[in-house]
Amino acid sequence: MLLNYSFQKRLLDLTVAIILTLAFLPVWLVVPILIYLDSGWPIIFKHRRIGKNGQEFELFKFRSMVKDADEILHKKNKILLEKFKKGDWKVEAKEDPRITRLGRVLRSLTIDEFPQLYNVLRGEMSMIGPRAYLQAELTDQITKHPETKILVKDILSIKPGITGPWQTSGRNEVPFVQRAQMDATYARNRNIWIDIKILFRTPRAMISKW
């Protein structure tokens, strides 16, 4: 049954990723040009994330921040860094000075995440799964919330996803402990029908962000 589900899920991932890539072909052509005109190179932002079984991989996004965003966060803006950590490793876009003008638009439409379809095609991610966490983020959150250690073990037993249970129920407003509980529950009980249900809920969750 597990093998059957694995085959079904991979087939779903490939089918949806290919359809979305083709359906949004104008985005792939226009957005890189707009990013270059707005803030130059690079077009794609690469970030090391933790995947299945704790293996690191490079997650791809359209760049929505200034080029030295990480350096600004960790070395030049201590106030922003504290706000970032206190906010469950995220900052509201309107409060983050690193986001470019175009980047705010890309994020509001979730277009910045489109290149993750390439991660799905490569088999590093799934269309549906837990959040792809930073190693430092997981370490910090587990230190603050030791009760989530067992939950994180379940989360890392499967591939991370572009969308998932908490993204379709509250998006970034869901605190880490609740996110971990939801993702761990998904990891333990996942099946193809749950995946399809989450997939169809995703457009509504995206629209609610606007």
C-alpha atoms as a PDB file:
ATOM      1  CA  MET A   1       0.000   0.000   0.000  1.00  0.00           C
ATOM      2  CA  LEU A   2       2.869   2.380   0.858  1.00  0.00           C
ATOM      3  CA  LEU A   3       4.572   1.629  -2.466  1.00  0.00           C
ATOM      4  CA  ASN A   4       1.285   2.223  -4.263  1.00  0.00           C
ATOM      5  CA  TYR A   5       0.844   5.575  -2.524  1.00  0.00           C
ATOM      6  CA  SER A   6       4.431   6.571  -3.303  1.00  0.00           C
ATOM      7  CA  PHE A   7       3.796   5.886  -6.997  1.00  0.00           C
ATOM      8  CA  GLN A   8       0.480   7.777  -6.935  1.00  0.00           C
ATOM      9  CA  LYS A   9       2.040  10.763  -5.187  1.00  0.00           C
ATOM     10  CA  ARG A  10       4.989  10.965  -7.566  1.00  0.00           C
ATOM     11  CA  LEU A  11       2.627  10.747 -10.530  1.00  0.00           C
ATOM     12  CA  LEU A  12       0.499  13.543  -9.033  1.00  0.00           C
ATOM     13  CA  ASP A  13       3.600  15.672  -8.406  1.00  0.00           C
ATOM     14  CA  LEU A  14       4.902  15.298 -11.942  1.00  0.00           C
ATOM     15  CA  THR A  15       1.495  15.846 -13.549  1.00  0.00           C
ATOM     16  CA  VAL A  16       0.685  19.005 -11.578  1.00  0.00           C
ATOM     17  CA  ALA A  17       4.211  20.435 -11.869  1.00  0.00           C
ATOM     18  CA  ILE A  18       4.273  19.973 -15.654  1.00  0.00           C
ATOM     19  CA  ILE A  19       0.759  21.396 -16.124  1.00  0.00           C
ATOM     20  CA  LEU A  20       1.542  24.465 -13.998  1.00  0.00           C
ATOM     21  CA  THR A  21       4.870  25.027 -15.753  1.00  0.00           C
ATOM     22  CA  LEU A  22       3.188  25.023 -19.149  1.00  0.00           C
ATOM     23  CA  ALA A  23       0.088  26.949 -18.029  1.00  0.00           C
ATOM     24  CA  PHE A  24       2.179  29.770 -16.590  1.00  0.00           C
ATOM     25  CA  LEU A  25       4.755  29.881 -19.383  1.00  0.00           C
ATOM     26  CA  PRO A  26       4.301  33.684 -19.777  1.00  0.00           C
ATOM     27  CA  VAL A  27       5.321  34.078 -16.117  1.00  0.00           C
ATOM     28  CA  TRP A  28       8.580  32.184 -16.747  1.00  0.00           C
ATOM     29  CA  LEU A  29       9.333  34.500 -19.655  1.00  0.00           C
ATOM     30  CA  VAL A  30       8.255  37.868 -18.225  1.00  0.00           C
ATOM     31  CA  VAL A  31       9.169  37.718 -14.509  1.00  0.00           C
ATOM     32  CA  PRO A  32      12.938  37.208 -15.034  1.00  0.00           C
ATOM     33  CA  ILE A  33      12.995  40.281 -17.286  1.00  0.00           C
ATOM     34  CA  LEU A  34      11.088  42.334 -14.695  1.00  0.00           C
ATOM     35  CA  ILE A  35      13.402  41.232 -11.883  1.00  0.00           C
ATOM     36  CA  TYR A  36      16.460  42.168 -13.928  1.00  0.00           C
ATOM     37  CA  LEU A  37      15.042  45.584 -14.795  1.00  0.00           C
ATOM     38  CA  ASP A  38      14.035  46.198 -11.175  1.00  0.00           C
ATOM     39  CA  SER A  39      17.178  45.079  -9.346  1.00  0.00           C
ATOM     40  CA  GLY A  40      19.547  43.261 -11.697  1.00  0.00           C
ATOM     41  CA  TRP A  41      21.014  39.788 -11.267  1.00  0.00           C
ATOM     42  CA  PRO A  42      20.571  37.150  -9.955  1.00  0.00           C
ATOM     43  CA  ILE A  43      17.057  36.222 -11.047  1.00  0.00           C
ATOM     44  CA  ILE A  44      16.820  33.038  -8.988  1.00  0.00           C
ATOM     45  CA  PHE A  45      17.381  32.927  -5.229  1.00  0.00           C
ATOM     46  CA  LYS A  46      18.832  29.662  -3.903  1.00  0.00           C
ATOM     47  CA  HIS A  47      18.513  28.689  -0.258  1.00  0.00           C
ATOM     48  CA  ARG A  48      19.727  25.606   1.615  1.00  0.00           C
ATOM     49  CA  ARG A  49      16.773  23.793   3.200  1.00  0.00           C
ATOM     50  CA  ILE A  50      16.233  20.515   5.031  1.00  0.00           C
ATOM     51  CA  GLY A  51      14.434  17.798   3.093  1.00  0.00           C
ATOM     52  CA  LYS A  52      13.490  14.164   3.586  1.00  0.00           C
ATOM     53  CA  ASN A  53      15.590  12.322   6.171  1.00  0.00           C
ATOM     54  CA  GLY A  54      17.373  15.551   7.066  1.00  0.00           C
ATOM     55  CA  GLN A  55      19.144  15.842   3.704  1.00  0.00           C
ATOM     56  CA  GLU A  56      19.900  19.396   2.618  1.00  0.00           C
ATOM     57  CA  PHE A  57      18.951  20.650  -0.826  1.00  0.00           C
ATOM     58  CA  GLU A  58      18.843  23.962  -2.676  1.00  0.00           C
ATOM     59  CA  LEU A  59      15.350  25.458  -2.782  1.00  0.00           C
ATOM     60  CA  PHE A  60      14.688  27.790  -5.715  1.00  0.00           C
ATOM     61  CA  LYS A  61      12.628  30.993  -5.754  1.00  0.00           C
ATOM     62  CA  PHE A  62      12.351  34.064  -7.923  1.00  0.00           C
ATOM     63  CA  ARG A  63      14.437  36.651  -6.067  1.00  0.00           C
ATOM     64  CA  SER A  64      12.154  39.051  -4.216  1.00  0.00           C
ATOM     65  CA  MET A  65      14.777  40.648  -1.945  1.00  0.00           C
ATOM     66  CA  VAL A  66      17.898  42.742  -2.417  1.00  0.00           C
ATOM     67  CA  LYS A  67      21.039  40.793  -3.317  1.00  0.00           C
ATOM     68  CA  ASP A  68      22.648  40.915   0.137  1.00  0.00           C
ATOM     69  CA  ALA A  69      19.443  40.129   2.061  1.00  0.00           C
ATOM     70  CA  ASP A  70      20.981  37.463   4.335  1.00  0.00           C
ATOM     71  CA  GLU A  71      23.934  39.659   5.218  1.00  0.00           C
ATOM     72  CA  ILE A  72      21.600  42.546   6.060  1.00  0.00           C
ATOM     73  CA  LEU A  73      19.524  40.285   8.299  1.00  0.00           C
ATOM     74  CA  HIS A  74      22.331  38.556  10.165  1.00  0.00           C
ATOM     75  CA  LYS A  75      25.069  41.209  10.239  1.00  0.00           C
ATOM     76  CA  LYS A  76      23.697  44.683   9.578  1.00  0.00           C
ATOM     77  CA  ASN A  77      20.238  44.891  11.126  1.00  0.00           C
ATOM     78  CA  LYS A  78      20.029  43.457  14.648  1.00  0.00           C
ATOM     79  CA  ILE A  79      16.547  44.913  15.203  1.00  0.00           C
ATOM     80  CA  LEU A  80      15.228  43.118  12.133  1.00  0.00           C
ATOM     81  CA  LEU A  81      16.959  39.893  13.207  1.00  0.00           C
ATOM     82  CA  GLU A  82      15.309  39.987  16.629  1.00  0.00           C
ATOM     83  CA  LYS A  83      11.932  40.691  15.039  1.00  0.00           C
ATOM     84  CA  PHE A  84      12.587  37.822  12.613  1.00  0.00           C
ATOM     85  CA  LYS A  85      13.283  35.303  15.384  1.00  0.00           C
ATOM     86  CA  LYS A  86      10.452  36.484  17.627  1.00  0.00           C
ATOM     87  CA  GLY A  87       8.064  36.228  14.672  1.00  0.00           C
ATOM     88  CA  ASP A  88       8.703  32.478  14.244  1.00  0.00           C
ATOM     89  CA  TRP A  89      11.477  33.104  11.700  1.00  0.00           C
ATOM     90  CA  LYS A  90       9.464  35.387   9.462  1.00  0.00           C
ATOM     91  CA  VAL A  91       8.733  39.094   9.131  1.00  0.00           C
ATOM     92  CA  GLU A  92       5.692  40.722   7.582  1.00  0.00           C
ATOM     93  CA  ALA A  93       6.548  41.865   4.060  1.00  0.00           C
ATOM     94  CA  LYS A  94       5.498  45.453   4.799  1.00  0.00           C
ATOM     95  CA  GLU A  95       7.983  45.549   7.703  1.00  0.00           C
ATOM     96  CA  ASP A  96      10.915  43.990   5.835  1.00  0.00           C
ATOM     97  CA  PRO A  97      13.151  46.604   4.157  1.00  0.00           C
ATOM     98  CA  ARG A  98      15.001  43.890   2.201  1.00  0.00           C
ATOM     99  CA  ILE A  99      12.073  43.174  -0.116  1.00  0.00           C
ATOM    100  CA  THR A 100      12.231  44.953  -3.468  1.00  0.00           C
ATOM    101  CA  ARG A 101       9.329  46.847  -5.028  1.00  0.00           C
ATOM    102  CA  LEU A 102       8.694  44.058  -7.507  1.00  0.00           C
ATOM    103  CA  GLY A 103       9.306  41.478  -4.785  1.00  0.00           C
ATOM    104  CA  ARG A 104       6.275  42.688  -2.834  1.00  0.00           C
ATOM    105  CA  VAL A 105       4.100  42.068  -5.876  1.00  0.00           C
ATOM    106  CA  LEU A 106       5.622  38.637  -6.533  1.00  0.00           C
ATOM    107  CA  ARG A 107       5.084  37.604  -2.918  1.00  0.00           C
ATOM    108  CA  SER A 108       1.513  38.874  -2.758  1.00  0.00           C
ATOM    109  CA  LEU A 109       0.697  36.698  -5.782  1.00  0.00           C
ATOM    110  CA  THR A 110       2.929  33.794  -4.584  1.00  0.00           C
ATOM    111  CA  ILE A 111       4.749  34.006  -7.913  1.00  0.00           C
ATOM    112  CA  ASP A 112       8.122  34.026  -6.132  1.00  0.00           C
ATOM    113  CA  GLU A 113       7.578  30.344  -5.251  1.00  0.00           C
ATOM    114  CA  PHE A 114       7.027  29.163  -8.846  1.00  0.00           C
ATOM    115  CA  PRO A 115      10.645  27.928  -9.318  1.00  0.00           C
ATOM    116  CA  GLN A 116      10.000  25.344  -6.598  1.00  0.00           C
ATOM    117  CA  LEU A 117       8.224  23.397  -9.332  1.00  0.00           C
ATOM    118  CA  TYR A 118      11.762  22.590 -10.497  1.00  0.00           C
ATOM    119  CA  ASN A 119      12.481  21.141  -7.044  1.00  0.00           C
ATOM    120  CA  VAL A 120       9.378  18.965  -7.463  1.00  0.00           C
ATOM    121  CA  LEU A 121      10.476  17.753 -10.904  1.00  0.00           C
ATOM    122  CA  ARG A 122      13.918  16.911  -9.473  1.00  0.00           C
ATOM    123  CA  GLY A 123      12.291  14.875  -6.697  1.00  0.00           C
ATOM    124  CA  GLU A 124      13.563  17.009  -3.799  1.00  0.00           C
ATOM    125  CA  MET A 125      10.108  18.340  -2.959  1.00  0.00           C
ATOM    126  CA  SER A 126       6.478  17.333  -3.392  1.00  0.00           C
ATOM    127  CA  MET A 127       3.523  19.491  -4.367  1.00  0.00           C
ATOM    128  CA  ILE A 128       2.014  18.669  -0.944  1.00  0.00           C
ATOM    129  CA  GLY A 129       4.045  18.252   2.233  1.00  0.00           C
ATOM    130  CA  PRO A 130       5.506  19.990   5.291  1.00  0.00           C
ATOM    131  CA  ARG A 131       7.366  23.290   5.092  1.00  0.00           C
ATOM    132  CA  ALA A 132      10.981  23.088   3.898  1.00  0.00           C
ATOM    133  CA  TYR A 133      12.792  24.438   6.955  1.00  0.00           C
ATOM    134  CA  LEU A 134      16.173  26.045   7.422  1.00  0.00           C
ATOM    135  CA  GLN A 135      18.485  23.998   9.660  1.00  0.00           C
ATOM    136  CA  ALA A 136      19.062  26.998  11.941  1.00  0.00           C
ATOM    137  CA  GLU A 137      15.318  27.586  12.172  1.00  0.00           C
ATOM    138  CA  LEU A 138      14.589  23.992  13.227  1.00  0.00           C
ATOM    139  CA  THR A 139      17.403  24.053  15.785  1.00  0.00           C
ATOM    140  CA  ASP A 140      16.147  27.322  17.286  1.00  0.00           C
ATOM    141  CA  GLN A 141      12.485  26.264  17.335  1.00  0.00           C
ATOM    142  CA  ILE A 142      13.208  22.880  18.933  1.00  0.00           C
ATOM    143  CA  THR A 143      15.296  24.648  21.589  1.00  0.00           C
ATOM    144  CA  LYS A 144      12.382  26.996  22.350  1.00  0.00           C
ATOM    145  CA  HIS A 145       9.757  24.254  22.039  1.00  0.00           C
ATOM    146  CA  PRO A 146      11.310  20.896  23.124  1.00  0.00           C
ATOM    147  CA  GLU A 147       7.926  19.200  22.822  1.00  0.00           C
ATOM    148  CA  THR A 148       8.163  19.551  19.034  1.00  0.00           C
ATOM    149  CA  LYS A 149      11.274  17.362  18.717  1.00  0.00           C
ATOM    150  CA  ILE A 150       9.223  14.209  18.127  1.00  0.00           C
ATOM    151  CA  LEU A 151       7.010  16.119  15.684  1.00  0.00           C
ATOM    152  CA  VAL A 152      10.018  17.293  13.670  1.00  0.00           C
ATOM    153  CA  LYS A 153      11.184  13.676  13.394  1.00  0.00           C
ATOM    154  CA  ASP A 154       7.912  12.804  11.668  1.00  0.00           C
ATOM    155  CA  ILE A 155       8.061  15.938   9.496  1.00  0.00           C
ATOM    156  CA  LEU A 156      11.532  15.057   8.209  1.00  0.00           C
ATOM    157  CA  SER A 157      10.445  11.509   7.352  1.00  0.00           C
ATOM    158  CA  ILE A 158       8.834  12.763   4.116  1.00  0.00           C
ATOM    159  CA  LYS A 159       9.570  15.281   1.371  1.00  0.00           C
ATOM    160  CA  PRO A 160       8.713  18.939   2.061  1.00  0.00           C
ATOM    161  CA  GLY A 161       6.000  20.469  -0.097  1.00  0.00           C
ATOM    162  CA  ILE A 162       5.150  23.665  -1.937  1.00  0.00           C
ATOM    163  CA  THR A 163       1.786  23.623  -0.160  1.00  0.00           C
ATOM    164  CA  GLY A 164       0.472  21.688   2.809  1.00  0.00           C
ATOM    165  CA  PRO A 165      -2.085  21.459   5.610  1.00  0.00           C
ATOM    166  CA  TRP A 166      -1.134  24.630   7.486  1.00  0.00           C
ATOM    167  CA  GLN A 167      -0.612  26.726   4.349  1.00  0.00           C
ATOM    168  CA  THR A 168      -4.235  26.043   3.381  1.00  0.00           C
ATOM    169  CA  SER A 169      -5.640  26.741   6.826  1.00  0.00           C
ATOM    170  CA  GLY A 170      -3.862  29.895   7.980  1.00  0.00           C
ATOM    171  CA  ARG A 171      -0.654  30.351   5.993  1.00  0.00           C
ATOM    172  CA  ASN A 172       2.069  32.340   7.788  1.00  0.00           C
ATOM    173  CA  GLU A 173      -0.199  33.323  10.663  1.00  0.00           C
ATOM    174  CA  VAL A 174       0.005  29.786  12.109  1.00  0.00           C
ATOM    175  CA  PRO A 175       2.628  29.638  14.937  1.00  0.00           C
ATOM    176  CA  PHE A 176       5.436  27.060  14.774  1.00  0.00           C
ATOM    177  CA  VAL A 177       4.084  24.623  17.380  1.00  0.00           C
ATOM    178  CA  GLN A 178       0.732  24.422  15.626  1.00  0.00           C
ATOM    179  CA  ARG A 179       2.420  24.156  12.219  1.00  0.00           C
ATOM    180  CA  ALA A 180       4.569  21.292  13.485  1.00  0.00           C
ATOM    181  CA  GLN A 181       1.527  19.494  14.868  1.00  0.00           C
ATOM    182  CA  MET A 182      -0.351  19.846  11.590  1.00  0.00           C
ATOM    183  CA  ASP A 183       2.594  18.771   9.441  1.00  0.00           C
ATOM    184  CA  ALA A 184       3.385  15.790  11.683  1.00  0.00           C
ATOM    185  CA  THR A 185      -0.258  14.680  11.592  1.00  0.00           C
ATOM    186  CA  TYR A 186      -0.163  14.909   7.800  1.00  0.00           C
ATOM    187  CA  ALA A 187       3.078  12.883   7.661  1.00  0.00           C
ATOM    188  CA  ARG A 188       1.525  10.099   9.765  1.00  0.00           C
ATOM    189  CA  ASN A 189      -1.819   9.927   7.975  1.00  0.00           C
ATOM    190  CA  ARG A 190      -1.095  11.039   4.399  1.00  0.00           C
ATOM    191  CA  ASN A 191      -2.834   9.425   1.458  1.00  0.00           C
ATOM    192  CA  ILE A 192      -3.595  10.450  -2.104  1.00  0.00           C
ATOM    193  CA  TRP A 193      -7.082  11.771  -1.273  1.00  0.00           C
ATOM    194  CA  ILE A 194      -5.732  14.059   1.451  1.00  0.00           C
ATOM    195  CA  ASP A 195      -3.143  15.318  -1.047  1.00  0.00           C
ATOM    196  CA  ILE A 196      -5.787  16.072  -3.669  1.00  0.00           C
ATOM    197  CA  LYS A 197      -7.964  17.807  -1.075  1.00  0.00           C
ATOM    198  CA  ILE A 198      -5.080  20.063   0.014  1.00  0.00           C
ATOM    199  CA  LEU A 199      -4.180  20.731  -3.604  1.00  0.00           C
ATOM    200  CA  PHE A 200      -7.680  21.989  -4.404  1.00  0.00           C
ATOM    201  CA  ARG A 201      -7.725  24.166  -1.266  1.00  0.00           C
ATOM    202  CA  THR A 202      -4.479  25.914  -2.223  1.00  0.00           C
ATOM    203  CA  PRO A 203      -5.834  28.431  -4.792  1.00  0.00           C
ATOM    204  CA  ARG A 204      -8.375  29.699  -2.267  1.00  0.00           C
ATOM    205  CA  ALA A 205      -5.634  30.096   0.355  1.00  0.00           C
ATOM    206  CA  MET A 206      -3.540  32.061  -2.148  1.00  0.00           C
ATOM    207  CA  ILE A 207      -6.448  34.366  -3.030  1.00  0.00           C
ATOM    208  CA  SER A 208      -7.186  35.004   0.669  1.00  0.00           C
ATOM    209  CA  LYS A 209      -3.685  36.475   0.990  1.00  0.00           C
ATOM    210  CA  TRP A 210      -4.423  39.296  -1.472  1.00  0.00           C
END
